[in-house]
């Protein structure tokens, strides 16, 4: 039997059959296990530190990119405001480069592209934005404006209507009203008066008690030919601001268009007292007064006054005939097949009969004279365009006598 051995490191007895000292072997294993845990912890700490530093660097870079994009966007906004779309286009391209996922910058870039005539590129950006956010009011509105530029009425209607019912920041009710009014302007410019009236009726039904807004929508209704709804809005505006010149002029125009010339005169005179610079109202008032003062068929007129008006109307029509013929280069002294020359022959035959005493002897004379007057005014309107002032008044009276509306 071998004698016990002692460990050269620790001095402990090594049991029989053992090759290594068990005491030193346990200590060595523990030591290496401890070193491995320390190493793993150190590696984990370094990884965490690496990720933290990387995150800080990335966030810093992103903040820097964001600031750069914001700066370019501000420059682009300023260029657009200053009506320099070409310069704005470069700025917005840079903004999008530094913030590729920013929908606002892409929208501004599309606007700049449209302003510089690059419609297809603008449309591509807008359609991509609409696909990612179909409920965006600004995107649909820009698509509608692009359709207006391309004179595409169906697309404009579709996108305008989508914009009306989309989401809007701030005051959505006011924005939807503004979109409808922009649509109405496009429809009126496109001579789509019936569709414009329908849109305006929807706007008028939800107007706030704001006289300026009521007057604005009323004016658009006049352009669309809806005089009854327009007059209602003008009256509402006047209830709040009785001396509002635009509302008074608008009401006068409505009465004029519906044939109530006495009321038209009243409102137009009040409008011009409030603002003498209303040129259109002054012209309408001149025509209104002419209709009231020239019409020989007005009720309760004495025979002498009827004769005086018919004579004045005949003189005015004769002057209109001569002026129109001169403008067209037609010689009225020569008989010919031109309608104006034929009417001149009637005038020449009628002139000797126009005497005050003749109206008493021949009650039909007034009607005969006015028939000639009306024929002259219609023919002159066809040959030389719509008249103004007293000649327009005679044309209106002619339509009244035919049962038509002025």
Protein backbone atom coordinates (compact mmCIF):
# COMPACT_ATOMS: atom_id res chain seq x y z
CA UNK A 1 0.00 0.00 0.00
CA UNK A 2 1.28 3.35 -1.06
CA UNK A 3 1.94 5.88 1.67
CA UNK A 4 -0.23 9.00 1.86
CA UNK A 5 0.90 11.89 -0.31
CA UNK A 6 0.82 15.48 0.58
CA UNK A 7 -0.13 18.29 -1.86
CA UNK A 8 2.83 20.42 -2.75
CA UNK A 9 0.53 23.50 -2.98
CA UNK A 10 -1.68 23.31 0.07
CA UNK A 11 0.09 20.64 2.22
CA UNK A 12 -3.13 18.62 2.54
CA UNK A 13 -3.12 14.83 2.31
CA UNK A 14 -4.06 13.44 -1.08
CA UNK A 15 -6.31 10.39 -0.53
CA UNK A 16 -5.24 7.07 -1.89
CA UNK A 17 -6.32 6.58 -5.51
CA UNK A 18 -6.62 10.37 -6.24
CA UNK A 19 -4.37 11.87 -8.82
CA UNK A 20 -4.87 15.53 -7.91
CA UNK A 21 -5.44 17.24 -4.63
CA UNK A 22 -9.21 17.54 -4.20
CA UNK A 23 -8.82 20.70 -2.17
CA UNK A 24 -6.84 22.50 -4.85
CA UNK A 25 -9.12 21.13 -7.63
CA UNK A 26 -12.28 22.58 -5.99
CA UNK A 27 -10.61 25.94 -5.47
CA UNK A 28 -9.41 26.00 -9.07
CA UNK A 29 -12.90 25.18 -10.43
CA UNK A 30 -14.51 27.84 -8.25
CA UNK A 31 -11.90 30.38 -9.32
CA UNK A 32 -12.51 29.78 -13.02
CA UNK A 33 -16.28 29.80 -12.57
CA UNK A 34 -15.96 33.13 -10.81
CA UNK A 35 -13.81 34.52 -13.60
CA UNK A 36 -16.31 33.35 -16.26
CA UNK A 37 -19.26 35.07 -14.52
CA UNK A 38 -17.23 38.25 -14.19
CA UNK A 39 -16.35 38.09 -17.87
CA UNK A 40 -19.95 37.53 -18.95
CA UNK A 41 -21.12 40.44 -16.79
CA UNK A 42 -18.44 42.65 -18.29
CA UNK A 43 -19.44 41.69 -21.82
CA UNK A 44 -23.11 42.34 -21.04
CA UNK A 45 -22.24 45.72 -19.56
CA UNK A 46 -20.25 46.64 -22.63
CA UNK A 47 -23.11 45.56 -24.93
CA UNK A 48 -25.61 47.65 -22.98
CA UNK A 49 -23.25 50.60 -23.07
CA UNK A 50 -22.80 50.11 -26.82
CA UNK A 51 -26.57 50.06 -27.44
CA UNK A 52 -27.08 53.15 -25.24
CA UNK A 53 -24.37 55.05 -27.09
CA UNK A 54 -25.73 53.88 -30.44
CA UNK A 55 -29.23 54.99 -29.45
CA UNK A 56 -27.96 58.38 -28.37
CA UNK A 57 -26.09 58.80 -31.63
CA UNK A 58 -29.08 57.68 -33.72
CA UNK A 59 -31.48 59.95 -31.86
CA UNK A 60 -29.08 62.81 -32.23
CA UNK A 61 -28.81 62.17 -35.94
CA UNK A 62 -32.59 61.94 -36.26
CA UNK A 63 -33.01 65.23 -34.39
CA UNK A 64 -30.45 66.82 -36.65
CA UNK A 65 -32.25 65.48 -39.75
CA UNK A 66 -35.54 66.72 -38.36
CA UNK A 67 -34.16 70.21 -37.78
CA UNK A 68 -32.67 70.31 -41.26
CA UNK A 69 -35.98 69.18 -42.79
CA UNK A 70 -37.88 71.80 -40.77
CA UNK A 71 -35.50 74.51 -41.94
CA UNK A 72 -35.95 73.53 -45.59
CA UNK A 73 -39.71 73.36 -45.14
CA UNK A 74 -39.81 76.84 -43.60
CA UNK A 75 -37.83 78.18 -46.53
CA UNK A 76 -40.21 76.48 -48.95
CA UNK A 77 -43.26 77.92 -47.18
CA UNK A 78 -41.75 81.39 -47.40
CA UNK A 79 -41.00 80.94 -51.10
CA UNK A 80 -44.54 79.76 -51.81
CA UNK A 81 -45.97 82.73 -49.91
CA UNK A 82 -43.76 85.03 -51.99
CA UNK A 83 -45.05 83.38 -55.19
CA UNK A 84 -41.71 81.79 -56.03
CA UNK A 85 -42.75 78.17 -56.58
CA UNK A 86 -39.58 77.18 -58.46
CA UNK A 87 -37.42 78.08 -55.47
CA UNK A 88 -39.92 76.44 -53.13
CA UNK A 89 -39.71 73.24 -55.16
CA UNK A 90 -35.99 72.85 -54.39
CA UNK A 91 -36.58 73.57 -50.71
CA UNK A 92 -39.37 71.01 -50.39
CA UNK A 93 -37.32 68.38 -52.23
CA UNK A 94 -34.59 68.85 -49.64
CA UNK A 95 -37.13 68.68 -46.82
CA UNK A 96 -38.49 65.39 -48.15
CA UNK A 97 -34.95 64.03 -48.57
CA UNK A 98 -34.26 64.60 -44.88
CA UNK A 99 -37.72 63.43 -43.72
CA UNK A 100 -38.96 60.89 -46.24
CA UNK A 101 -41.99 59.81 -44.22
CA UNK A 102 -43.31 63.30 -43.47
CA UNK A 103 -46.71 63.61 -45.21
CA UNK A 104 -46.85 67.41 -44.80
CA UNK A 105 -43.56 67.93 -46.64
CA UNK A 106 -44.70 65.62 -49.42
CA UNK A 107 -47.95 67.59 -49.67
CA UNK A 108 -46.02 70.86 -49.92
CA UNK A 109 -43.77 69.33 -52.57
CA UNK A 110 -46.84 68.32 -54.58
CA UNK A 111 -48.20 71.87 -54.29
CA UNK A 112 -44.92 73.30 -55.56
CA UNK A 113 -44.86 70.82 -58.42
CA UNK A 114 -48.39 71.86 -59.40
CA UNK A 115 -47.47 75.54 -59.20
CA UNK A 116 -44.57 74.96 -61.58
CA UNK A 117 -46.74 73.08 -64.07
CA UNK A 118 -45.50 69.58 -63.27
CA UNK A 119 -49.01 68.25 -62.84
CA UNK A 120 -48.38 64.54 -63.34
CA UNK A 121 -45.61 64.43 -60.73
CA UNK A 122 -47.77 66.39 -58.34
CA UNK A 123 -50.64 63.99 -58.94
CA UNK A 124 -48.40 60.99 -58.28
CA UNK A 125 -47.36 62.36 -54.90
CA UNK A 126 -50.95 63.24 -53.99
CA UNK A 127 -52.36 59.87 -55.02
CA UNK A 128 -49.70 58.12 -52.95
CA UNK A 129 -50.61 60.29 -49.96
CA UNK A 130 -54.31 59.61 -50.52
CA UNK A 131 -53.69 55.87 -50.67
CA UNK A 132 -51.95 55.96 -47.29
CA UNK A 133 -54.52 58.36 -45.77
CA UNK A 134 -57.82 58.47 -47.72
CA UNK A 135 -59.41 60.68 -45.06
CA UNK A 136 -56.97 63.58 -45.42
CA UNK A 137 -58.86 66.76 -46.23
CA UNK A 138 -55.82 68.74 -47.46
CA UNK A 139 -54.72 65.94 -49.81
CA UNK A 140 -58.18 65.56 -51.37
CA UNK A 141 -58.46 69.33 -51.70
CA UNK A 142 -55.15 69.52 -53.55
CA UNK A 143 -56.29 66.72 -55.86
CA UNK A 144 -59.47 68.70 -56.51
CA UNK A 145 -57.44 71.82 -57.32
CA UNK A 146 -55.29 69.78 -59.66
CA UNK A 147 -58.45 68.55 -61.41
CA UNK A 148 -59.59 72.19 -61.72
CA UNK A 149 -56.31 73.06 -63.46
CA UNK A 150 -56.91 70.18 -65.84
CA UNK A 151 -60.56 71.28 -66.34
CA UNK A 152 -61.76 67.81 -65.32
CA UNK A 153 -65.19 68.48 -63.83
CA UNK A 154 -65.98 64.86 -62.74
CA UNK A 155 -62.64 64.47 -60.91
CA UNK A 156 -62.93 67.93 -59.37
CA UNK A 157 -66.43 67.15 -58.06
CA UNK A 158 -65.29 63.80 -56.64
CA UNK A 159 -62.26 65.15 -54.83
CA UNK A 160 -64.02 68.30 -53.62
CA UNK A 161 -66.82 66.20 -52.14
CA UNK A 162 -64.30 63.85 -50.56
CA UNK A 163 -62.53 66.86 -49.06
CA UNK A 164 -65.81 68.16 -47.63
CA UNK A 165 -66.39 64.97 -45.67
CA UNK A 166 -62.75 64.33 -44.70
CA UNK A 167 -60.92 65.12 -41.49
CA UNK A 168 -59.72 68.67 -40.88
CA UNK A 169 -57.62 70.13 -38.11
CA UNK A 170 -58.70 73.31 -36.35
CA UNK A 171 -62.26 74.29 -37.25
CA UNK A 172 -63.58 71.46 -39.47
CA UNK A 173 -66.96 73.14 -40.04
CA UNK A 174 -65.36 76.32 -41.37
CA UNK A 175 -62.92 74.33 -43.52
CA UNK A 176 -65.70 72.25 -45.06
CA UNK A 177 -67.64 75.41 -45.84
CA UNK A 178 -64.54 76.93 -47.46
CA UNK A 179 -64.08 73.80 -49.58
CA UNK A 180 -67.70 73.96 -50.77
CA UNK A 181 -67.33 77.64 -51.67
CA UNK A 182 -64.17 76.88 -53.62
CA UNK A 183 -66.10 74.17 -55.45
CA UNK A 184 -68.90 76.66 -56.17
CA UNK A 185 -66.45 79.13 -57.69
CA UNK A 186 -65.12 76.41 -59.98
CA UNK A 187 -68.66 75.41 -61.00
CA UNK A 188 -69.66 78.99 -61.74
CA UNK A 189 -66.50 79.52 -63.78
CA UNK A 190 -67.40 76.33 -65.67
CA UNK A 191 -70.98 77.58 -66.27
CA UNK A 192 -72.37 74.71 -64.17
CA UNK A 193 -74.97 76.94 -62.50
CA UNK A 194 -77.43 74.19 -61.57
CA UNK A 195 -74.80 72.18 -59.70
CA UNK A 196 -73.45 75.35 -58.12
CA UNK A 197 -76.93 76.22 -56.83
CA UNK A 198 -77.24 72.82 -55.17
CA UNK A 199 -73.91 73.27 -53.40
CA UNK A 200 -74.79 76.80 -52.30
CA UNK A 201 -78.14 75.70 -50.86
CA UNK A 202 -76.22 73.19 -48.73
CA UNK A 203 -73.85 75.94 -47.59
CA UNK A 204 -76.67 78.39 -46.86
CA UNK A 205 -78.46 75.85 -44.67
CA UNK A 206 -75.54 75.80 -42.20
CA UNK A 207 -74.32 79.38 -42.16
CA UNK A 208 -73.44 81.08 -38.88
CA UNK A 209 -75.19 84.39 -38.05
CA UNK A 210 -72.44 86.34 -39.78
CA UNK A 211 -73.62 89.20 -42.06
CA UNK A 212 -70.46 89.21 -44.16
CA UNK A 213 -70.68 85.46 -44.76
CA UNK A 214 -74.40 85.68 -45.51
CA UNK A 215 -73.74 88.46 -48.01
CA UNK A 216 -70.90 86.52 -49.64
CA UNK A 217 -73.00 83.37 -50.12
CA UNK A 218 -75.96 85.49 -51.25
CA UNK A 219 -73.79 87.10 -53.92
CA UNK A 220 -72.76 83.66 -55.18
CA UNK A 221 -76.42 82.60 -55.25
CA UNK A 222 -77.16 85.61 -57.45
CA UNK A 223 -74.46 84.49 -59.86
CA UNK A 224 -75.99 81.02 -59.83
CA UNK A 225 -79.43 82.47 -60.62
CA UNK A 226 -81.08 81.56 -57.28
CA UNK A 227 -82.54 84.96 -56.45
CA UNK A 228 -85.06 83.84 -53.82
CA UNK A 229 -82.50 82.11 -51.57
CA UNK A 230 -80.05 84.95 -52.17
CA UNK A 231 -82.62 87.56 -51.13
CA UNK A 232 -83.33 85.62 -47.93
CA UNK A 233 -79.63 85.74 -47.01
CA UNK A 234 -79.35 89.45 -47.83
CA UNK A 235 -82.33 90.16 -45.59
CA UNK A 236 -80.73 88.18 -42.77
CA UNK A 237 -77.55 90.20 -43.16
CA UNK A 238 -79.48 93.47 -43.21
CA UNK A 239 -81.29 92.50 -40.02
CA UNK A 240 -77.88 92.62 -38.30
CA UNK A 241 -76.32 95.42 -40.37
CA UNK A 242 -79.08 97.61 -41.89
CA UNK A 243 -76.59 99.91 -43.66
CA UNK A 244 -74.45 97.22 -45.26
CA UNK A 245 -73.90 98.46 -48.82
CA UNK A 246 -73.08 95.02 -50.31
CA UNK A 247 -76.18 93.45 -48.75
CA UNK A 248 -78.39 96.33 -49.91
CA UNK A 249 -76.95 96.12 -53.42
CA UNK A 250 -77.44 92.36 -53.43
CA UNK A 251 -81.06 92.66 -52.38
CA UNK A 252 -81.62 95.32 -55.05
CA UNK A 253 -80.12 93.01 -57.67
CA UNK A 254 -82.45 90.19 -56.59
CA UNK A 255 -85.51 92.43 -56.89
CA UNK A 256 -84.28 93.66 -60.26
CA UNK A 257 -83.81 90.14 -61.60
CA UNK A 258 -87.26 89.04 -60.40
CA UNK A 259 -88.98 92.09 -61.94
CA UNK A 260 -89.86 94.03 -58.79
CA UNK A 261 -88.34 97.30 -60.01
CA UNK A 262 -89.87 99.54 -57.35
CA UNK A 263 -88.21 97.52 -54.59
CA UNK A 264 -85.02 97.26 -56.65
CA UNK A 265 -84.86 101.05 -56.92
CA UNK A 266 -85.41 101.43 -53.18
CA UNK A 267 -82.61 99.06 -52.17
CA UNK A 268 -80.15 100.19 -54.83
CA UNK A 269 -80.58 103.83 -53.85
CA UNK A 270 -79.88 102.91 -50.22
CA UNK A 271 -76.82 100.93 -51.28
CA UNK A 272 -75.37 103.88 -53.20
CA UNK A 273 -76.04 106.20 -50.29
CA UNK A 274 -73.97 103.85 -48.12
CA UNK A 275 -71.25 103.45 -50.77
CA UNK A 276 -71.34 105.71 -53.88
CA UNK A 277 -68.52 103.67 -55.48
CA UNK A 278 -70.65 100.60 -56.23
CA UNK A 279 -70.37 100.80 -60.02
CA UNK A 280 -72.47 97.73 -60.77
CA UNK A 281 -75.26 98.88 -58.44
CA UNK A 282 -75.24 102.32 -60.09
CA UNK A 283 -75.63 100.75 -63.54
CA UNK A 284 -78.46 98.51 -62.35
CA UNK A 285 -80.16 101.48 -60.71
CA UNK A 286 -79.95 103.45 -63.97
CA UNK A 287 -81.62 100.58 -65.82
CA UNK A 288 -84.20 100.16 -63.06
CA UNK A 289 -85.19 103.81 -63.20
CA UNK A 290 -85.37 103.60 -66.99
CA UNK A 291 -87.72 100.60 -66.81
CA UNK A 292 -89.96 102.45 -64.35
CA UNK A 293 -89.90 105.70 -66.33
CA UNK A 294 -90.08 104.38 -69.91
CA UNK A 295 -92.72 101.69 -69.69
CA UNK A 296 -95.90 103.10 -71.28
CA UNK A 297 -97.87 100.03 -70.17
CA UNK A 298 -97.58 100.78 -66.45
CA UNK A 299 -100.96 100.81 -64.73
CA UNK A 300 -102.78 103.99 -63.78
CA UNK A 301 -100.86 106.18 -66.24
CA UNK A 302 -102.69 109.02 -67.98
CA UNK A 303 -102.96 108.88 -71.76
CA UNK A 304 -100.64 111.84 -72.21
CA UNK A 305 -97.93 110.22 -70.11
CA UNK A 306 -98.26 106.97 -72.05
CA UNK A 307 -97.85 108.90 -75.31
CA UNK A 308 -94.82 110.77 -73.97
CA UNK A 309 -93.12 107.52 -72.91
CA UNK A 310 -93.84 105.83 -76.23
CA UNK A 311 -92.40 108.81 -78.10
CA UNK A 312 -89.27 108.81 -75.93
CA UNK A 313 -88.87 105.07 -76.42
CA UNK A 314 -89.17 105.50 -80.19
CA UNK A 315 -86.45 108.17 -80.21
CA UNK A 316 -84.12 106.00 -78.10
CA UNK A 317 -84.68 102.98 -80.33
CA UNK A 318 -84.01 105.05 -83.44
CA UNK A 319 -80.69 106.20 -81.98
CA UNK A 320 -79.81 102.61 -81.09
CA UNK A 321 -80.62 101.50 -84.64
CA UNK A 322 -78.40 104.18 -86.16
CA UNK A 323 -75.52 103.49 -83.77
CA UNK A 324 -75.67 99.74 -84.37
CA UNK A 325 -75.81 100.17 -88.15
CA UNK A 326 -72.81 102.49 -88.05
CA UNK A 327 -70.91 99.99 -85.95
CA UNK A 328 -71.65 97.21 -88.45
CA UNK A 329 -70.97 99.42 -91.46
CA UNK A 330 -74.56 99.20 -92.75
CA UNK A 331 -75.99 102.08 -94.79
CA UNK A 332 -79.55 102.66 -93.55
CA UNK A 333 -80.30 105.00 -96.45
CA UNK A 334 -80.07 102.10 -98.85
CA UNK A 335 -82.88 99.56 -99.00
CA UNK A 336 -81.62 96.04 -98.58
CA UNK A 337 -82.21 92.65 -97.03
CA UNK A 338 -80.46 93.40 -93.75
CA UNK A 339 -82.89 93.41 -90.76
CA UNK A 340 -81.58 96.79 -89.64
CA UNK A 341 -82.32 98.30 -93.07
CA UNK A 342 -85.84 96.83 -93.00
CA UNK A 343 -86.42 98.35 -89.57
CA UNK A 344 -85.20 101.71 -90.81
CA UNK A 345 -87.92 101.60 -93.44
CA UNK A 346 -90.50 101.04 -90.69
CA UNK A 347 -89.07 103.92 -88.69
CA UNK A 348 -89.28 106.22 -91.72
CA UNK A 349 -92.92 105.25 -92.25
CA UNK A 350 -93.81 105.63 -88.59
CA UNK A 351 -92.21 109.03 -87.89
CA UNK A 352 -94.87 111.26 -89.54
CA UNK A 353 -97.58 109.59 -87.47
CA UNK A 354 -96.02 110.31 -84.08
CA UNK A 355 -97.94 113.34 -82.89
CA UNK A 356 -99.53 113.84 -79.49
CA UNK A 357 -102.95 114.38 -81.04
CA UNK A 358 -102.64 111.16 -83.04
CA UNK A 359 -102.58 109.07 -79.85
CA UNK A 360 -106.06 110.33 -78.97
CA UNK A 361 -107.41 109.59 -82.42
CA UNK A 362 -105.76 106.18 -82.77
CA UNK A 363 -105.51 104.13 -79.51
CA UNK A 364 -103.60 101.40 -81.41
CA UNK A 365 -100.80 103.80 -82.32
CA UNK A 366 -99.04 103.33 -78.97
CA UNK A 367 -98.90 99.55 -79.47
CA UNK A 368 -97.70 99.95 -83.06
CA UNK A 369 -94.90 102.28 -81.98
CA UNK A 370 -93.80 100.02 -79.17
CA UNK A 371 -93.82 97.01 -81.49
CA UNK A 372 -91.31 98.80 -83.72
CA UNK A 373 -89.27 99.83 -80.67
CA UNK A 374 -89.11 96.26 -79.41
CA UNK A 375 -88.13 94.89 -82.81
CA UNK A 376 -85.31 97.43 -83.09
CA UNK A 377 -83.95 96.61 -79.65
CA UNK A 378 -84.03 92.85 -80.30
CA UNK A 379 -82.38 93.16 -83.69
CA UNK A 380 -79.71 95.51 -82.35
CA UNK A 381 -79.01 93.14 -79.46
CA UNK A 382 -78.47 90.29 -81.92
CA UNK A 383 -76.27 92.37 -84.23
CA UNK A 384 -74.34 94.51 -81.75
CA UNK A 385 -74.58 92.73 -78.39
CA UNK A 386 -76.52 93.33 -75.21
CA UNK A 387 -77.35 97.02 -74.60
CA UNK A 388 -76.96 99.08 -71.47
CA UNK A 389 -78.98 101.72 -69.66
CA UNK A 390 -82.18 102.86 -71.34
CA UNK A 391 -81.84 100.48 -74.29
CA UNK A 392 -81.53 97.57 -71.88
CA UNK A 393 -84.63 98.88 -70.12
CA UNK A 394 -86.57 98.82 -73.40
CA UNK A 395 -85.43 95.25 -74.03
CA UNK A 396 -86.60 94.28 -70.53
CA UNK A 397 -89.98 95.91 -71.14
CA UNK A 398 -90.24 93.97 -74.40
CA UNK A 399 -89.66 90.68 -72.55
CA UNK A 400 -92.21 91.68 -69.92
CA UNK A 401 -94.81 92.30 -72.60
CA UNK A 402 -94.09 88.90 -74.12
CA UNK A 403 -94.72 87.28 -70.77
CA UNK A 404 -91.07 86.44 -70.20
CA UNK A 405 -88.87 87.29 -67.26
CA UNK A 406 -86.36 90.13 -67.34
